[in-house]
Amino acid sequence: MLLLAASFAGALAGDEGSSIVNFTVIRDYNGKPVRNASVILHSVDKGGKQNKGGAQLKTDADGKANYPGLPYGKVRVQVIAPGLQTFGEDYDIKDKTMDIEIKMKRPTDQYTIYK
C-alpha cells in the first residue's frame, strides 16, 4: 500500500510515468507558426476509444504550446485553427520529454457530383 502511494505521488511530481510534451504548430506550405491554434488532448484506451475528459491548449505567437506531466500511454491530439484543415493523430507518449511538430494544411475543395 505504501509503495502504491509513493508511485502515485511520484507520477504527480513528474518523476515517473509522465512526460513533458512540447507542441509546435506550423503551416505546411510556408513553415510559418500558427498562432492561437487549439491543441486538444484526450487519452485513448487499449481498444482505441477516446476517454472522457481531456485538456485544451492554445499556441503562442511562435506556434508553441506545452503540457508538463502528461501521463504515459496513447494520446489523441487534435489541432484546430481557423482557415486550416483540422489535424488529428494518435501519439504514444513514452519518453520523459517529447517534441511534436504538427504541420497544418490548407483546406481542400469538397467533392460533389452536383458541379
Protein backbone atom coordinates (compact mmCIF):
# COMPACT_ATOMS: atom_id res chain seq x y z
CA MET A 1 0.00 0.00 0.00
CA LEU A 2 2.80 2.39 0.89
CA LEU A 3 4.62 1.55 -2.36
CA LEU A 4 1.45 2.29 -4.37
CA ALA A 5 1.05 5.68 -2.67
CA ALA A 6 4.72 6.52 -3.32
CA SER A 7 4.46 5.64 -7.02
CA PHE A 8 1.27 7.73 -7.38
CA ALA A 9 2.96 10.70 -5.67
CA GLY A 10 5.96 10.28 -7.99
CA ALA A 11 3.68 10.39 -11.05
CA LEU A 12 2.09 13.59 -9.81
CA ALA A 13 5.50 15.12 -9.20
CA GLY A 14 6.56 14.23 -12.74
CA ASP A 15 9.29 11.77 -11.68
CA GLU A 16 7.90 8.63 -13.33
CA GLY A 17 5.04 7.86 -15.65
CA SER A 18 4.63 11.32 -17.10
CA SER A 19 6.17 13.35 -19.87
CA ILE A 20 6.73 16.98 -20.78
CA VAL A 21 5.27 17.32 -24.27
CA ASN A 22 6.14 20.33 -26.43
CA PHE A 23 3.94 21.06 -29.45
CA THR A 24 4.94 23.23 -32.41
CA VAL A 25 2.19 24.02 -34.92
CA ILE A 26 3.28 25.35 -38.32
CA ARG A 27 1.77 25.86 -41.76
CA ASP A 28 2.68 23.04 -44.15
CA TYR A 29 3.01 25.30 -47.20
CA ASN A 30 5.32 28.01 -45.80
CA GLY A 31 6.64 26.82 -42.41
CA LYS A 32 5.26 29.83 -40.51
CA PRO A 33 3.89 29.29 -36.99
CA VAL A 34 0.14 29.09 -36.36
CA ARG A 35 -0.89 31.45 -33.57
CA ASN A 36 -3.86 30.67 -31.27
CA ALA A 37 -4.40 27.15 -32.62
CA SER A 38 -6.36 24.89 -30.24
CA VAL A 39 -4.42 21.75 -29.30
CA ILE A 40 -6.87 19.26 -27.76
CA LEU A 41 -5.60 16.18 -25.91
CA HIS A 42 -7.57 13.03 -25.00
CA SER A 43 -6.25 9.79 -23.57
CA VAL A 44 -7.01 6.68 -25.62
CA ASP A 45 -7.71 3.25 -24.13
CA LYS A 46 -6.25 -0.05 -25.37
CA GLY A 47 -9.24 -0.57 -27.70
CA GLY A 48 -8.57 2.73 -29.46
CA LYS A 49 -11.53 4.55 -27.91
CA GLN A 50 -11.14 8.10 -26.69
CA ASN A 51 -11.68 8.57 -22.94
CA LYS A 52 -13.86 11.31 -21.50
CA GLY A 53 -12.23 14.49 -20.28
CA GLY A 54 -9.03 15.88 -21.69
CA ALA A 55 -7.16 19.14 -21.98
CA GLN A 56 -7.07 22.08 -24.37
CA LEU A 57 -4.03 24.25 -25.02
CA LYS A 58 -3.55 27.37 -27.15
CA THR A 59 -0.42 28.05 -29.16
CA ASP A 60 1.52 31.27 -28.63
CA ALA A 61 2.79 33.68 -31.30
CA ASP A 62 5.58 31.20 -32.16
CA GLY A 63 3.08 28.35 -32.64
CA LYS A 64 4.26 26.62 -29.44
CA ALA A 65 2.35 25.05 -26.56
CA ASN A 66 3.42 22.55 -23.92
CA TYR A 67 1.87 20.17 -21.43
CA PRO A 68 4.03 19.20 -18.46
CA GLY A 69 3.04 16.00 -16.68
CA LEU A 70 1.17 14.21 -19.47
CA PRO A 71 0.80 10.55 -18.38
CA TYR A 72 2.49 7.84 -20.44
CA GLY A 73 0.27 5.99 -22.91
CA LYS A 74 -1.71 6.72 -26.06
CA VAL A 75 -2.93 10.28 -26.54
CA ARG A 76 -5.20 11.58 -29.30
CA VAL A 77 -4.08 15.03 -30.45
CA GLN A 78 -6.46 17.24 -32.42
CA VAL A 79 -5.47 20.70 -33.66
CA ILE A 80 -8.00 23.25 -34.85
CA ALA A 81 -7.09 26.60 -36.41
CA PRO A 82 -9.24 28.99 -38.49
CA GLY A 83 -8.63 28.72 -42.23
CA LEU A 84 -6.71 25.42 -41.96
CA GLN A 85 -7.64 21.74 -42.10
CA THR A 86 -8.29 20.11 -38.74
CA PHE A 87 -5.42 17.82 -37.75
CA GLY A 88 -5.81 14.61 -35.77
CA GLU A 89 -3.43 11.81 -34.86
CA ASP A 90 -2.69 9.40 -32.00
CA TYR A 91 0.73 9.50 -30.32
CA ASP A 92 2.36 7.04 -27.93
CA ILE A 93 3.75 9.07 -25.03
CA LYS A 94 6.65 7.07 -23.63
CA ASP A 95 9.64 9.43 -23.22
CA LYS A 96 10.41 11.87 -20.41
CA THR A 97 10.34 14.77 -22.91
CA MET A 98 8.68 14.72 -26.33
CA ASP A 99 8.66 17.30 -29.10
CA ILE A 100 5.78 17.03 -31.56
CA GLU A 101 5.69 19.15 -34.72
CA ILE A 102 2.31 19.46 -36.41
CA LYS A 103 2.03 20.72 -39.99
CA MET A 104 -1.35 22.23 -40.81
CA LYS A 105 -2.59 22.19 -44.41
CA ARG A 106 -4.86 24.49 -46.35
CA PRO A 107 -8.43 23.29 -46.75
CA THR A 108 -9.12 21.27 -49.87
CA ASP A 109 -12.11 21.54 -52.16
CA GLN A 110 -15.02 19.30 -51.34
CA TYR A 111 -16.03 16.78 -53.95
CA THR A 112 -19.56 16.82 -55.22
CA ILE A 113 -21.48 15.27 -58.07
CA TYR A 114 -23.54 18.43 -58.49
CA LYS A 115 -20.95 20.64 -60.24
